[in-house]
Protein backbone atom coordinates (compact mmCIF):
# COMPACT_ATOMS: atom_id res chain seq x y z
CA ASN A 1 7.57 -13.50 2.37
CA PRO A 2 9.40 -11.31 4.87
CA ASP A 3 11.86 -10.38 2.10
CA TYR A 4 9.21 -7.99 0.73
CA ILE A 5 8.18 -4.72 2.30
CA PHE A 6 5.01 -2.79 1.52
CA ARG A 7 5.17 0.99 1.39
CA LYS A 8 3.08 3.94 0.29
CA ILE A 9 5.23 6.37 -1.66
CA VAL A 10 3.35 9.57 -2.41
CA ASP A 11 0.16 8.15 -3.99
CA GLU A 12 1.61 4.82 -5.06
CA LEU A 13 1.46 1.53 -3.14
CA VAL A 14 4.50 -0.66 -3.76
CA LEU A 15 6.09 -3.98 -2.83
CA VAL A 16 9.86 -3.82 -2.65
CA PRO A 17 11.98 -6.96 -2.39
CA ILE A 18 14.83 -6.64 0.09
CA HIS A 19 17.80 -8.91 0.44
CA LYS A 20 20.08 -8.54 3.43
CA ASP A 21 18.51 -5.13 4.12
CA VAL A 22 19.21 -3.87 0.59
CA ALA A 23 16.27 -3.04 -1.68
CA ASP A 24 16.25 -4.47 -5.19
CA MET A 25 15.09 -1.34 -7.00
CA ASP A 26 14.76 -3.20 -10.33
CA SER A 27 11.97 -5.36 -8.90
CA ILE A 28 9.49 -2.91 -7.38
CA TYR A 29 5.85 -3.92 -7.81
CA SER A 30 3.08 -1.33 -7.85
CA LEU A 31 -0.25 -2.36 -6.29
CA ASN A 32 -3.71 -0.92 -6.74
CA ASP A 33 -6.06 -0.49 -3.76
CA VAL A 34 -7.41 -4.03 -4.01
CA GLY A 35 -3.92 -5.51 -4.29
CA ALA A 36 -2.77 -3.53 -1.26
CA PHE A 37 -5.86 -4.67 0.67
CA ILE A 38 -5.09 -8.32 -0.16
CA TRP A 39 -1.39 -7.88 0.69
CA GLU A 40 -2.34 -6.57 4.13
CA LEU A 41 -4.61 -9.60 4.68
CA LEU A 42 -1.73 -11.91 3.76
CA SER A 43 0.22 -10.82 6.83
CA LYS A 44 -1.58 -13.70 8.61
CA PRO A 45 -2.39 -17.16 7.27
CA ILE A 46 -5.61 -16.96 5.26
CA ASN A 47 -7.18 -19.17 2.62
CA VAL A 48 -8.36 -18.06 -0.80
CA GLU A 49 -12.04 -18.32 0.12
CA GLU A 50 -11.49 -15.98 3.06
CA LEU A 51 -9.60 -13.55 0.81
CA ASN A 52 -12.44 -13.61 -1.71
CA GLN A 53 -15.02 -12.90 0.97
CA ALA A 54 -12.96 -10.07 2.48
CA VAL A 55 -12.61 -8.43 -0.94
CA LEU A 56 -16.35 -8.81 -1.58
CA ASN A 57 -17.10 -7.23 1.79
CA GLU A 58 -14.75 -4.29 1.15
CA PHE A 59 -15.27 -3.53 -2.56
CA ASP A 60 -18.24 -3.34 -4.90
CA ALA A 61 -17.61 -6.28 -7.23
CA LYS A 62 -19.17 -9.49 -8.52
CA ALA A 63 -18.18 -12.75 -6.81
CA ASP A 64 -17.06 -14.54 -9.97
CA GLN A 65 -14.81 -11.64 -10.98
CA VAL A 66 -13.36 -11.38 -7.46
CA ASN A 67 -12.61 -15.11 -7.40
CA GLU A 68 -10.77 -14.90 -10.71
CA ASP A 69 -8.89 -11.71 -9.85
CA VAL A 70 -7.79 -12.92 -6.41
CA GLU A 71 -6.55 -16.21 -7.87
CA ASN A 72 -4.61 -14.37 -10.59
CA PHE A 73 -3.11 -11.93 -8.08
CA ILE A 74 -2.01 -14.71 -5.71
CA SER A 75 -0.53 -16.62 -8.65
CA GLU A 76 1.48 -13.56 -9.71
CA LEU A 77 2.73 -12.99 -6.17
CA SER A 78 3.71 -16.67 -5.98
CA GLU A 79 5.57 -16.52 -9.30
CA PHE A 80 8.01 -13.90 -8.09
CA GLY A 81 8.25 -15.29 -4.57
CA ALA A 82 6.35 -12.64 -2.59
CA VAL A 83 3.98 -15.28 -1.15
CA VAL A 84 4.23 -19.00 -0.60
CA ARG A 85 1.12 -21.15 -0.85
CA SER A 86 0.60 -23.75 1.81
CA GLU A 87 -1.46 -26.88 1.53
């Protein structure tokens, strides 16, 4: 969603919703390194399987845990409108 900007502030990675060029400071979302990595990948259309594989290639993790974590993260982003799933 273009209404969200991603920024690194000091050592924190955050998503900030903006509306008409005004930031909603009550709705800032802090991301860990994996979340920030996924957010960057979401700048282009990508499916969940591709996201899972990219995370596996970048981080030391087990496939079943990555699959679950990516799905949960995408669901959370969808809930507050930061991403929109396509069919």
